[in-house]
PDB file of N, CA and C in Angstrom:
ATOM      1  N   MET A   1      32.235  50.678 -33.336  1.00  0.00           N
ATOM      2  CA  MET A   1      31.999  51.340 -34.729  1.00  0.00           C
ATOM      3  C   MET A   1      32.470  52.876 -34.564  1.00  0.00           C
ATOM      4  N   ALA A   2      33.288  53.061 -35.970  1.00  0.00           N
ATOM      5  CA  ALA A   2      33.819  54.672 -35.783  1.00  0.00           C
ATOM      6  C   ALA A   2      32.570  56.058 -35.924  1.00  0.00           C
ATOM      7  N   MET A   3      32.472  56.878 -35.485  1.00  0.00           N
ATOM      8  CA  MET A   3      31.701  57.339 -35.956  1.00  0.00           C
ATOM      9  C   MET A   3      32.104  58.117 -37.098  1.00  0.00           C
ATOM     10  N   GLY A   4      31.749  58.812 -37.960  1.00  0.00           N
ATOM     11  CA  GLY A   4      31.574  59.897 -38.786  1.00  0.00           C
ATOM     12  C   GLY A   4      31.481  61.096 -38.758  1.00  0.00           C
ATOM     13  N   GLN A   5      32.264  61.982 -39.440  1.00  0.00           N
ATOM     14  CA  GLN A   5      32.090  63.244 -39.082  1.00  0.00           C
ATOM     15  C   GLN A   5      30.770  63.674 -39.965  1.00  0.00           C
ATOM     16  N   SER A   6      30.474  65.044 -39.553  1.00  0.00           N
ATOM     17  CA  SER A   6      28.917  65.412 -40.320  1.00  0.00           C
ATOM     18  C   SER A   6      29.103  67.221 -40.890  1.00  0.00           C
ATOM     19  N   TYR A   7      28.839  66.935 -41.987  1.00  0.00           N
ATOM     20  CA  TYR A   7      29.062  68.324 -42.582  1.00  0.00           C
ATOM     21  C   TYR A   7      27.608  68.684 -42.484  1.00  0.00           C
ATOM     22  N   SER A   8      27.453  69.878 -42.821  1.00  0.00           N
ATOM     23  CA  SER A   8      26.273  70.944 -43.206  1.00  0.00           C
ATOM     24  C   SER A   8      26.157  70.747 -45.013  1.00  0.00           C
ATOM     25  N   ALA A   9      25.110  70.346 -45.142  1.00  0.00           N
ATOM     26  CA  ALA A   9      24.745  70.428 -46.787  1.00  0.00           C
ATOM     27  C   ALA A   9      24.096  71.572 -47.292  1.00  0.00           C
ATOM     28  N   GLY A  10      23.585  72.194 -45.924  1.00  0.00           N
ATOM     29  CA  GLY A  10      22.550  73.747 -46.747  1.00  0.00           C
ATOM     30  C   GLY A  10      21.110  73.535 -45.577  1.00  0.00           C
ATOM     31  N   LYS A  11      20.274  74.596 -45.700  1.00  0.00           N
ATOM     32  CA  LYS A  11      19.000  74.678 -45.212  1.00  0.00           C
ATOM     33  C   LYS A  11      18.167  73.515 -45.747  1.00  0.00           C
ATOM     34  N   PRO A  12      17.066  73.022 -44.512  1.00  0.00           N
ATOM     35  CA  PRO A  12      16.043  72.225 -45.284  1.00  0.00           C
ATOM     36  C   PRO A  12      15.384  72.576 -46.569  1.00  0.00           C
ATOM     37  N   THR A  13      15.581  74.190 -46.356  1.00  0.00           N
ATOM     38  CA  THR A  13      14.447  74.349 -47.923  1.00  0.00           C
ATOM     39  C   THR A  13      15.345  74.208 -49.285  1.00  0.00           C
ATOM     40  N   ASP A  14      16.929  74.043 -49.005  1.00  0.00           N
ATOM     41  CA  ASP A  14      17.608  74.044 -50.385  1.00  0.00           C
ATOM     42  C   ASP A  14      17.417  72.516 -51.004  1.00  0.00           C
ATOM     43  N   PHE A  15      16.676  71.521 -50.591  1.00  0.00           N
ATOM     44  CA  PHE A  15      15.997  70.522 -50.780  1.00  0.00           C
ATOM     45  C   PHE A  15      14.523  70.064 -51.345  1.00  0.00           C
ATOM     46  N   PRO A  16      13.973  70.957 -52.265  1.00  0.00           N
ATOM     47  CA  PRO A  16      13.061  70.672 -52.588  1.00  0.00           C
ATOM     48  C   PRO A  16      12.151  68.914 -52.707  1.00  0.00           C
ATOM     49  N   GLU A  17      10.628  68.773 -52.518  1.00  0.00           N
ATOM     50  CA  GLU A  17      10.677  67.479 -52.912  1.00  0.00           C
ATOM     51  C   GLU A  17      10.643  66.704 -54.104  1.00  0.00           C
ATOM     52  N   GLY A  18      11.220  65.648 -54.347  1.00  0.00           N
ATOM     53  CA  GLY A  18      11.738  64.942 -55.246  1.00  0.00           C
ATOM     54  C   GLY A  18      12.675  65.273 -56.433  1.00  0.00           C
ATOM     55  N   GLN A  19      13.557  66.654 -55.844  1.00  0.00           N
ATOM     56  CA  GLN A  19      14.847  67.179 -56.660  1.00  0.00           C
ATOM     57  C   GLN A  19      15.876  66.729 -56.245  1.00  0.00           C
ATOM     58  N   ILE A  20      16.892  66.751 -57.687  1.00  0.00           N
ATOM     59  CA  ILE A  20      18.602  65.810 -57.546  1.00  0.00           C
ATOM     60  C   ILE A  20      19.208  67.357 -56.899  1.00  0.00           C
ATOM     61  N   VAL A  21      19.775  67.186 -55.847  1.00  0.00           N
ATOM     62  CA  VAL A  21      20.683  68.540 -55.349  1.00  0.00           C
ATOM     63  C   VAL A  21      21.943  67.669 -55.255  1.00  0.00           C
ATOM     64  N   ALA A  22      23.236  68.017 -56.103  1.00  0.00           N
ATOM     65  CA  ALA A  22      24.314  67.663 -55.768  1.00  0.00           C
ATOM     66  C   ALA A  22      25.206  68.855 -54.939  1.00  0.00           C
ATOM     67  N   ARG A  23      26.081  68.152 -54.261  1.00  0.00           N
ATOM     68  CA  ARG A  23      26.877  68.536 -53.108  1.00  0.00           C
ATOM     69  C   ARG A  23      28.212  68.150 -52.884  1.00  0.00           C
ATOM     70  N   SER A  24      29.175  69.002 -52.704  1.00  0.00           N
ATOM     71  CA  SER A  24      30.528  68.081 -52.267  1.00  0.00           C
ATOM     72  C   SER A  24      30.765  68.387 -51.097  1.00  0.00           C
ATOM     73  N   LEU A  25      31.017  67.095 -49.980  1.00  0.00           N
ATOM     74  CA  LEU A  25      31.206  67.288 -48.752  1.00  0.00           C
ATOM     75  C   LEU A  25      32.196  66.335 -48.238  1.00  0.00           C
ATOM     76  N   GLY A  26      33.173  66.793 -47.335  1.00  0.00           N
ATOM     77  CA  GLY A  26      33.912  65.600 -47.205  1.00  0.00           C
ATOM     78  C   GLY A  26      34.656  65.214 -47.917  1.00  0.00           C
ATOM     79  N   GLY A  27      35.250  65.709 -49.242  1.00  0.00           N
ATOM     80  CA  GLY A  27      35.743  64.845 -50.344  1.00  0.00           C
ATOM     81  C   GLY A  27      35.000  63.958 -51.241  1.00  0.00           C
ATOM     82  N   GLN A  28      33.899  64.128 -51.137  1.00  0.00           N
ATOM     83  CA  GLN A  28      32.553  63.455 -51.752  1.00  0.00           C
ATOM     84  C   GLN A  28      31.808  63.537 -52.315  1.00  0.00           C
ATOM     85  N   ASP A  29      31.462  63.687 -53.797  1.00  0.00           N
ATOM     86  CA  ASP A  29      30.472  64.248 -54.704  1.00  0.00           C
ATOM     87  C   ASP A  29      29.386  63.359 -53.811  1.00  0.00           C
ATOM     88  N   LEU A  30      28.071  64.136 -54.009  1.00  0.00           N
ATOM     89  CA  LEU A  30      26.934  63.213 -53.296  1.00  0.00           C
ATOM     90  C   LEU A  30      25.911  64.150 -53.804  1.00  0.00           C
ATOM     91  N   ILE A  31      24.621  63.403 -53.751  1.00  0.00           N
ATOM     92  CA  ILE A  31      23.490  63.989 -54.458  1.00  0.00           C
ATOM     93  C   ILE A  31      22.282  63.434 -53.005  1.00  0.00           C
ATOM     94  N   LEU A  32      21.471  64.694 -53.404  1.00  0.00           N
ATOM     95  CA  LEU A  32      20.895  64.775 -51.709  1.00  0.00           C
ATOM     96  C   LEU A  32      19.337  64.843 -52.458  1.00  0.00           C
ATOM     97  N   VAL A  33      18.396  63.796 -52.276  1.00  0.00           N
ATOM     98  CA  VAL A  33      16.918  64.114 -52.522  1.00  0.00           C
ATOM     99  C   VAL A  33      15.996  63.802 -51.545  1.00  0.00           C
ATOM    100  N   ARG A  34      15.138  64.729 -51.513  1.00  0.00           N
ATOM    101  CA  ARG A  34      14.023  64.787 -50.720  1.00  0.00           C
ATOM    102  C   ARG A  34      12.380  63.780 -51.076  1.00  0.00           C
ATOM    103  N   ILE A  35      12.225  62.857 -50.423  1.00  0.00           N
ATOM    104  CA  ILE A  35      11.284  61.730 -51.084  1.00  0.00           C
ATOM    105  C   ILE A  35      10.108  61.725 -49.362  1.00  0.00           C
ATOM    106  N   LYS A  36       9.000  62.140 -49.684  1.00  0.00           N
ATOM    107  CA  LYS A  36       8.028  62.003 -48.940  1.00  0.00           C
ATOM    108  C   LYS A  36       8.693  62.582 -47.528  1.00  0.00           C
ATOM    109  N   GLY A  37       9.101  64.081 -47.564  1.00  0.00           N
ATOM    110  CA  GLY A  37       9.557  64.580 -46.522  1.00  0.00           C
ATOM    111  C   GLY A  37      10.943  64.348 -46.013  1.00  0.00           C
ATOM    112  N   GLN A  38      11.528  63.168 -46.195  1.00  0.00           N
ATOM    113  CA  GLN A  38      12.613  62.750 -45.650  1.00  0.00           C
ATOM    114  C   GLN A  38      13.843  62.624 -46.522  1.00  0.00           C
ATOM    115  N   LEU A  39      15.243  63.185 -46.084  1.00  0.00           N
ATOM    116  CA  LEU A  39      16.209  64.125 -47.026  1.00  0.00           C
ATOM    117  C   LEU A  39      16.968  62.306 -46.776  1.00  0.00           C
ATOM    118  N   LEU A  40      17.793  62.013 -48.169  1.00  0.00           N
ATOM    119  CA  LEU A  40      18.410  61.030 -48.679  1.00  0.00           C
ATOM    120  C   LEU A  40      19.169  61.319 -48.887  1.00  0.00           C
ATOM    121  N   CYS A  41      20.577  60.888 -48.657  1.00  0.00           N
ATOM    122  CA  CYS A  41      22.406  61.365 -49.840  1.00  0.00           C
ATOM    123  C   CYS A  41      22.809  59.909 -49.983  1.00  0.00           C
ATOM    124  N   PHE A  42      22.931  60.241 -51.238  1.00  0.00           N
ATOM    125  CA  PHE A  42      23.843  59.132 -51.971  1.00  0.00           C
ATOM    126  C   PHE A  42      24.924  59.449 -52.629  1.00  0.00           C
ATOM    127  N   LEU A  43      26.221  58.459 -53.313  1.00  0.00           N
ATOM    128  CA  LEU A  43      27.014  59.213 -53.988  1.00  0.00           C
ATOM    129  C   LEU A  43      26.677  59.411 -55.265  1.00  0.00           C
ATOM    130  N   ASP A  44      27.176  60.528 -55.542  1.00  0.00           N
ATOM    131  CA  ASP A  44      26.829  61.073 -56.645  1.00  0.00           C
ATOM    132  C   ASP A  44      27.525  60.093 -58.069  1.00  0.00           C
ATOM    133  N   GLN A  45      27.523  58.245 -58.309  1.00  0.00           N
ATOM    134  CA  GLN A  45      27.760  58.028 -59.109  1.00  0.00           C
ATOM    135  C   GLN A  45      27.032  56.945 -59.352  1.00  0.00           C
ATOM    136  N   CYS A  46      26.565  56.562 -60.842  1.00  0.00           N
ATOM    137  CA  CYS A  46      25.976  55.413 -61.175  1.00  0.00           C
ATOM    138  C   CYS A  46      26.555  54.169 -60.180  1.00  0.00           C
ATOM    139  N   ALA A  47      26.222  52.827 -59.944  1.00  0.00           N
ATOM    140  CA  ALA A  47      26.764  51.863 -59.667  1.00  0.00           C
ATOM    141  C   ALA A  47      26.807  51.213 -60.424  1.00  0.00           C
ATOM    142  N   HIS A  48      26.517  51.270 -61.910  1.00  0.00           N
ATOM    143  CA  HIS A  48      26.976  50.498 -62.850  1.00  0.00           C
ATOM    144  C   HIS A  48      27.999  51.131 -63.692  1.00  0.00           C
ATOM    145  N   GLN A  49      28.539  52.346 -63.886  1.00  0.00           N
ATOM    146  CA  GLN A  49      29.063  53.217 -64.883  1.00  0.00           C
ATOM    147  C   GLN A  49      29.763  54.445 -64.293  1.00  0.00           C
ATOM    148  N   PRO A  50      30.800  55.058 -63.924  1.00  0.00           N
ATOM    149  CA  PRO A  50      31.255  56.012 -63.420  1.00  0.00           C
ATOM    150  C   PRO A  50      30.827  57.273 -63.920  1.00  0.00           C
ATOM    151  N   VAL A  51      29.159  57.620 -63.826  1.00  0.00           N
ATOM    152  CA  VAL A  51      28.553  58.525 -64.410  1.00  0.00           C
ATOM    153  C   VAL A  51      27.892  59.256 -63.319  1.00  0.00           C
ATOM    154  N   LYS A  52      28.106  60.849 -63.580  1.00  0.00           N
ATOM    155  CA  LYS A  52      27.230  61.560 -62.078  1.00  0.00           C
ATOM    156  C   LYS A  52      25.339  61.396 -62.095  1.00  0.00           C
ATOM    157  N   LEU A  53      25.111  60.942 -61.265  1.00  0.00           N
ATOM    158  CA  LEU A  53      23.601  60.615 -61.322  1.00  0.00           C
ATOM    159  C   LEU A  53      22.995  62.231 -61.285  1.00  0.00           C
ATOM    160  N   SER A  54      23.895  63.218 -60.771  1.00  0.00           N
ATOM    161  CA  SER A  54      23.331  64.636 -61.095  1.00  0.00           C
ATOM    162  C   SER A  54      23.195  64.884 -62.096  1.00  0.00           C
ATOM    163  N   GLU A  55      23.869  64.594 -63.098  1.00  0.00           N
ATOM    164  CA  GLU A  55      24.027  65.161 -64.514  1.00  0.00           C
ATOM    165  C   GLU A  55      23.381  63.845 -65.475  1.00  0.00           C
ATOM    166  N   PHE A  56      23.211  62.863 -65.429  1.00  0.00           N
ATOM    167  CA  PHE A  56      22.567  61.629 -66.035  1.00  0.00           C
ATOM    168  C   PHE A  56      20.971  61.272 -65.001  1.00  0.00           C
ATOM    169  N   GLY A  57      20.826  61.680 -63.948  1.00  0.00           N
ATOM    170  CA  GLY A  57      19.711  61.041 -63.354  1.00  0.00           C
ATOM    171  C   GLY A  57      18.635  61.667 -63.291  1.00  0.00           C
ATOM    172  N   GLU A  58      17.719  61.128 -63.402  1.00  0.00           N
ATOM    173  CA  GLU A  58      16.213  61.763 -63.214  1.00  0.00           C
ATOM    174  C   GLU A  58      15.027  60.747 -61.935  1.00  0.00           C
ATOM    175  N   MET A  59      14.593  61.775 -61.699  1.00  0.00           N
ATOM    176  CA  MET A  59      13.488  61.356 -60.201  1.00  0.00           C
ATOM    177  C   MET A  59      11.985  60.805 -61.203  1.00  0.00           C
ATOM    178  N   ARG A  60      11.937  59.757 -60.690  1.00  0.00           N
ATOM    179  CA  ARG A  60      10.570  58.975 -61.545  1.00  0.00           C
ATOM    180  C   ARG A  60       9.669  58.564 -60.250  1.00  0.00           C
ATOM    181  N   ASP A  61       8.865  59.299 -60.132  1.00  0.00           N
ATOM    182  CA  ASP A  61       7.847  58.359 -58.457  1.00  0.00           C
ATOM    183  C   ASP A  61       8.701  57.789 -57.887  1.00  0.00           C
ATOM    184  N   GLY A  62       9.907  58.665 -57.046  1.00  0.00           N
ATOM    185  CA  GLY A  62      10.772  58.286 -55.933  1.00  0.00           C
ATOM    186  C   GLY A  62      11.494  56.949 -56.439  1.00  0.00           C
ATOM    187  N   VAL A  63      11.857  56.941 -57.647  1.00  0.00           N
ATOM    188  CA  VAL A  63      12.862  56.284 -58.278  1.00  0.00           C
ATOM    189  C   VAL A  63      14.147  56.905 -59.349  1.00  0.00           C
ATOM    190  N   LEU A  64      15.253  56.556 -59.136  1.00  0.00           N
ATOM    191  CA  LEU A  64      15.852  57.644 -59.465  1.00  0.00           C
ATOM    192  C   LEU A  64      16.768  56.832 -60.889  1.00  0.00           C
ATOM    193  N   VAL A  65      16.267  57.317 -61.973  1.00  0.00           N
ATOM    194  CA  VAL A  65      17.038  56.569 -63.042  1.00  0.00           C
ATOM    195  C   VAL A  65      17.744  57.547 -63.782  1.00  0.00           C
ATOM    196  N   CYS A  66      18.688  56.531 -64.252  1.00  0.00           N
ATOM    197  CA  CYS A  66      20.357  56.984 -64.611  1.00  0.00           C
ATOM    198  C   CYS A  66      20.104  56.616 -65.957  1.00  0.00           C
ATOM    199  N   HIS A  67      20.204  57.609 -67.192  1.00  0.00           N
ATOM    200  CA  HIS A  67      19.914  57.765 -68.327  1.00  0.00           C
ATOM    201  C   HIS A  67      21.237  57.519 -68.798  1.00  0.00           C
ATOM    202  N   ALA A  68      22.216  56.965 -68.348  1.00  0.00           N
ATOM    203  CA  ALA A  68      23.167  56.450 -69.152  1.00  0.00           C
ATOM    204  C   ALA A  68      23.330  55.258 -69.672  1.00  0.00           C
ATOM    205  N   HIS A  69      22.454  54.501 -68.892  1.00  0.00           N
ATOM    206  CA  HIS A  69      22.021  52.693 -69.410  1.00  0.00           C
ATOM    207  C   HIS A  69      20.519  52.391 -68.864  1.00  0.00           C
ATOM    208  N   GLY A  70      20.070  53.389 -68.025  1.00  0.00           N
ATOM    209  CA  GLY A  70      18.426  53.025 -67.393  1.00  0.00           C
ATOM    210  C   GLY A  70      18.327  52.355 -66.635  1.00  0.00           C
ATOM    211  N   GLY A  71      19.216  52.215 -65.826  1.00  0.00           N
ATOM    212  CA  GLY A  71      19.335  51.746 -64.155  1.00  0.00           C
ATOM    213  C   GLY A  71      18.320  52.564 -63.751  1.00  0.00           C
ATOM    214  N   GLY A  72      17.572  51.684 -62.731  1.00  0.00           N
ATOM    215  CA  GLY A  72      16.620  52.473 -61.737  1.00  0.00           C
ATOM    216  C   GLY A  72      17.163  51.887 -60.683  1.00  0.00           C
ATOM    217  N   PHE A  73      17.307  53.164 -59.536  1.00  0.00           N
ATOM    218  CA  PHE A  73      16.998  52.557 -58.068  1.00  0.00           C
ATOM    219  C   PHE A  73      16.105  53.326 -57.247  1.00  0.00           C
ATOM    220  N   ASP A  74      15.043  52.630 -56.198  1.00  0.00           N
ATOM    221  CA  ASP A  74      14.737  52.909 -54.988  1.00  0.00           C
ATOM    222  C   ASP A  74      15.239  53.637 -54.041  1.00  0.00           C
ATOM    223  N   LEU A  75      15.559  54.878 -54.206  1.00  0.00           N
ATOM    224  CA  LEU A  75      15.969  55.654 -52.781  1.00  0.00           C
ATOM    225  C   LEU A  75      15.406  55.171 -51.592  1.00  0.00           C
ATOM    226  N   GLN A  76      13.889  55.080 -51.601  1.00  0.00           N
ATOM    227  CA  GLN A  76      13.463  54.919 -50.435  1.00  0.00           C
ATOM    228  C   GLN A  76      13.758  53.395 -49.561  1.00  0.00           C
ATOM    229  N   ARG A  77      14.583  52.563 -50.303  1.00  0.00           N
ATOM    230  CA  ARG A  77      14.889  51.200 -50.041  1.00  0.00           C
ATOM    231  C   ARG A  77      16.193  51.342 -49.873  1.00  0.00           C
ATOM    232  N   GLY A  78      16.815  52.181 -49.626  1.00  0.00           N
ATOM    233  CA  GLY A  78      18.446  52.673 -49.475  1.00  0.00           C
ATOM    234  C   GLY A  78      19.364  52.412 -51.046  1.00  0.00           C
ATOM    235  N   GLY A  79      18.615  52.702 -51.790  1.00  0.00           N
ATOM    236  CA  GLY A  79      19.444  52.860 -53.330  1.00  0.00           C
ATOM    237  C   GLY A  79      19.232  51.502 -53.978  1.00  0.00           C
ATOM    238  N   LEU A  80      18.482  50.521 -53.182  1.00  0.00           N
ATOM    239  CA  LEU A  80      18.172  49.173 -53.966  1.00  0.00           C
ATOM    240  C   LEU A  80      17.740  49.472 -55.489  1.00  0.00           C
ATOM    241  N   VAL A  81      18.670  48.471 -56.126  1.00  0.00           N
ATOM    242  CA  VAL A  81      18.262  48.046 -57.971  1.00  0.00           C
ATOM    243  C   VAL A  81      17.117  47.587 -58.013  1.00  0.00           C
ATOM    244  N   LEU A  82      16.301  48.520 -59.018  1.00  0.00           N
ATOM    245  CA  LEU A  82      14.989  47.720 -59.292  1.00  0.00           C
ATOM    246  C   LEU A  82      14.871  47.380 -61.224  1.00  0.00           C
ATOM    247  N   CYS A  83      15.984  47.904 -61.617  1.00  0.00           N
ATOM    248  CA  CYS A  83      16.310  47.343 -62.910  1.00  0.00           C
ATOM    249  C   CYS A  83      17.601  47.685 -63.395  1.00  0.00           C
ATOM    250  N   GLY A  84      18.174  46.575 -64.020  1.00  0.00           N
ATOM    251  CA  GLY A  84      19.467  46.816 -64.477  1.00  0.00           C
ATOM    252  C   GLY A  84      19.634  47.446 -65.928  1.00  0.00           C
ATOM    253  N   PRO A  85      21.107  47.918 -66.182  1.00  0.00           N
ATOM    254  CA  PRO A  85      22.275  46.734 -65.801  1.00  0.00           C
ATOM    255  C   PRO A  85      22.787  46.988 -64.663  1.00  0.00           C
ATOM    256  N   PRO A  86      22.718  47.803 -63.312  1.00  0.00           N
ATOM    257  CA  PRO A  86      23.421  47.983 -62.103  1.00  0.00           C
ATOM    258  C   PRO A  86      22.981  46.741 -61.464  1.00  0.00           C
ATOM    259  N   ARG A  87      24.055  45.982 -60.783  1.00  0.00           N
ATOM    260  CA  ARG A  87      23.687  45.015 -59.740  1.00  0.00           C
ATOM    261  C   ARG A  87      23.652  45.671 -58.396  1.00  0.00           C
ATOM    262  N   ASP A  88      24.483  46.615 -58.072  1.00  0.00           N
ATOM    263  CA  ASP A  88      24.455  46.868 -56.359  1.00  0.00           C
ATOM    264  C   ASP A  88      24.029  48.283 -56.526  1.00  0.00           C
ATOM    265  N   PRO A  89      23.310  48.285 -55.439  1.00  0.00           N
ATOM    266  CA  PRO A  89      22.814  49.543 -54.498  1.00  0.00           C
ATOM    267  C   PRO A  89      23.767  50.735 -54.699  1.00  0.00           C
ATOM    268  N   LEU A  90      22.976  51.691 -54.830  1.00  0.00           N
ATOM    269  CA  LEU A  90      23.950  53.364 -54.650  1.00  0.00           C
ATOM    270  C   LEU A  90      24.905  52.895 -53.288  1.00  0.00           C
ATOM    271  N   LYS A  91      25.597  54.179 -53.060  1.00  0.00           N
ATOM    272  CA  LYS A  91      26.542  53.719 -51.622  1.00  0.00           C
ATOM    273  C   LYS A  91      25.534  55.140 -51.023  1.00  0.00           C
ATOM    274  N   LYS A  92      24.915  54.674 -49.530  1.00  0.00           N
ATOM    275  CA  LYS A  92      24.157  55.504 -49.099  1.00  0.00           C
ATOM    276  C   LYS A  92      24.916  56.262 -48.127  1.00  0.00           C
ATOM    277  N   PHE A  93      24.556  57.536 -47.509  1.00  0.00           N
ATOM    278  CA  PHE A  93      25.033  58.309 -46.534  1.00  0.00           C
ATOM    279  C   PHE A  93      23.904  58.529 -45.629  1.00  0.00           C
ATOM    280  N   GLU A  94      24.264  58.673 -43.927  1.00  0.00           N
ATOM    281  CA  GLU A  94      23.347  58.891 -43.044  1.00  0.00           C
ATOM    282  C   GLU A  94      23.087  60.567 -43.259  1.00  0.00           C
ATOM    283  N   CYS A  95      21.724  60.887 -42.909  1.00  0.00           N
ATOM    284  CA  CYS A  95      21.088  62.577 -42.904  1.00  0.00           C
ATOM    285  C   CYS A  95      20.642  62.794 -42.069  1.00  0.00           C
ATOM    286  N   HIS A  96      20.724  64.021 -41.312  1.00  0.00           N
ATOM    287  CA  HIS A  96      20.004  64.410 -40.331  1.00  0.00           C
ATOM    288  C   HIS A  96      19.532  65.711 -40.494  1.00  0.00           C
ATOM    289  N   GLU A  97      18.463  66.097 -39.793  1.00  0.00           N
ATOM    290  CA  GLU A  97      18.101  67.628 -39.929  1.00  0.00           C
ATOM    291  C   GLU A  97      17.767  68.422 -38.855  1.00  0.00           C
ATOM    292  N   SER A  98      17.691  69.677 -38.719  1.00  0.00           N
ATOM    293  CA  SER A  98      17.359  70.429 -37.869  1.00  0.00           C
ATOM    294  C   SER A  98      16.364  71.525 -38.468  1.00  0.00           C
ATOM    295  N   GLN A  99      15.607  72.305 -37.811  1.00  0.00           N
ATOM    296  CA  GLN A  99      14.940  73.179 -38.320  1.00  0.00           C
ATOM    297  C   GLN A  99      15.710  74.198 -39.439  1.00  0.00           C
ATOM    298  N   ALA A 100      16.442  74.328 -38.993  1.00  0.00           N
ATOM    299  CA  ALA A 100      17.656  75.125 -39.561  1.00  0.00           C
ATOM    300  C   ALA A 100      18.887  74.768 -40.766  1.00  0.00           C
ATOM    301  N   GLU A 101      19.343  73.289 -40.265  1.00  0.00           N
ATOM    302  CA  GLU A 101      20.123  72.910 -41.319  1.00  0.00           C
ATOM    303  C   GLU A 101      20.200  71.408 -41.498  1.00  0.00           C
ATOM    304  N   SER A 102      20.886  71.272 -42.387  1.00  0.00           N
ATOM    305  CA  SER A 102      20.695  69.506 -42.958  1.00  0.00           C
ATOM    306  C   SER A 102      22.068  69.011 -42.959  1.00  0.00           C
ATOM    307  N   PHE A 103      22.401  68.194 -42.548  1.00  0.00           N
ATOM    308  CA  PHE A 103      23.682  67.503 -41.823  1.00  0.00           C
ATOM    309  C   PHE A 103      23.700  65.935 -42.613  1.00  0.00           C
ATOM    310  N   VAL A 104      24.960  65.738 -43.523  1.00  0.00           N
ATOM    311  CA  VAL A 104      25.640  64.548 -44.079  1.00  0.00           C
ATOM    312  C   VAL A 104      26.464  63.545 -43.308  1.00  0.00           C
ATOM    313  N   ILE A 105      26.681  62.625 -42.761  1.00  0.00           N
ATOM    314  CA  ILE A 105      27.795  62.105 -41.964  1.00  0.00           C
ATOM    315  C   ILE A 105      28.107  61.405 -43.117  1.00  0.00           C
ATOM    316  N   ILE A 106      30.059  61.479 -42.645  1.00  0.00           N
ATOM    317  CA  ILE A 106      30.567  60.811 -44.240  1.00  0.00           C
ATOM    318  C   ILE A 106      31.617  60.545 -43.271  1.00  0.00           C
ATOM    319  N   GLY A 107      32.558  58.751 -43.632  1.00  0.00           N
ATOM    320  CA  GLY A 107      32.996  58.106 -42.477  1.00  0.00           C
ATOM    321  C   GLY A 107      32.677  56.917 -41.787  1.00  0.00           C
TER     322      GLY A 107
END
């Protein structure tokens, strides 16, 4: 399996608990969300319609709700669909952090 490239997304403090943060890294538009201390990263696009979750999404108790059509995604379970109309989970990217920097692996 080929390893992806690691991109700096910012400092850990740039990602407050429960807030959606948009970043463009490695040619991808992404959202990063910290839930229960863990930084998670997904493609900034609803799995149902090509709308940006950074613009149309809202966090509600660990669930990302897309206001375009009301789809809900469980980010702690890999972007799993909780309620439709989306059928597919969000595209997830691996994250890792040091005390000074947060990284996303793409590729």
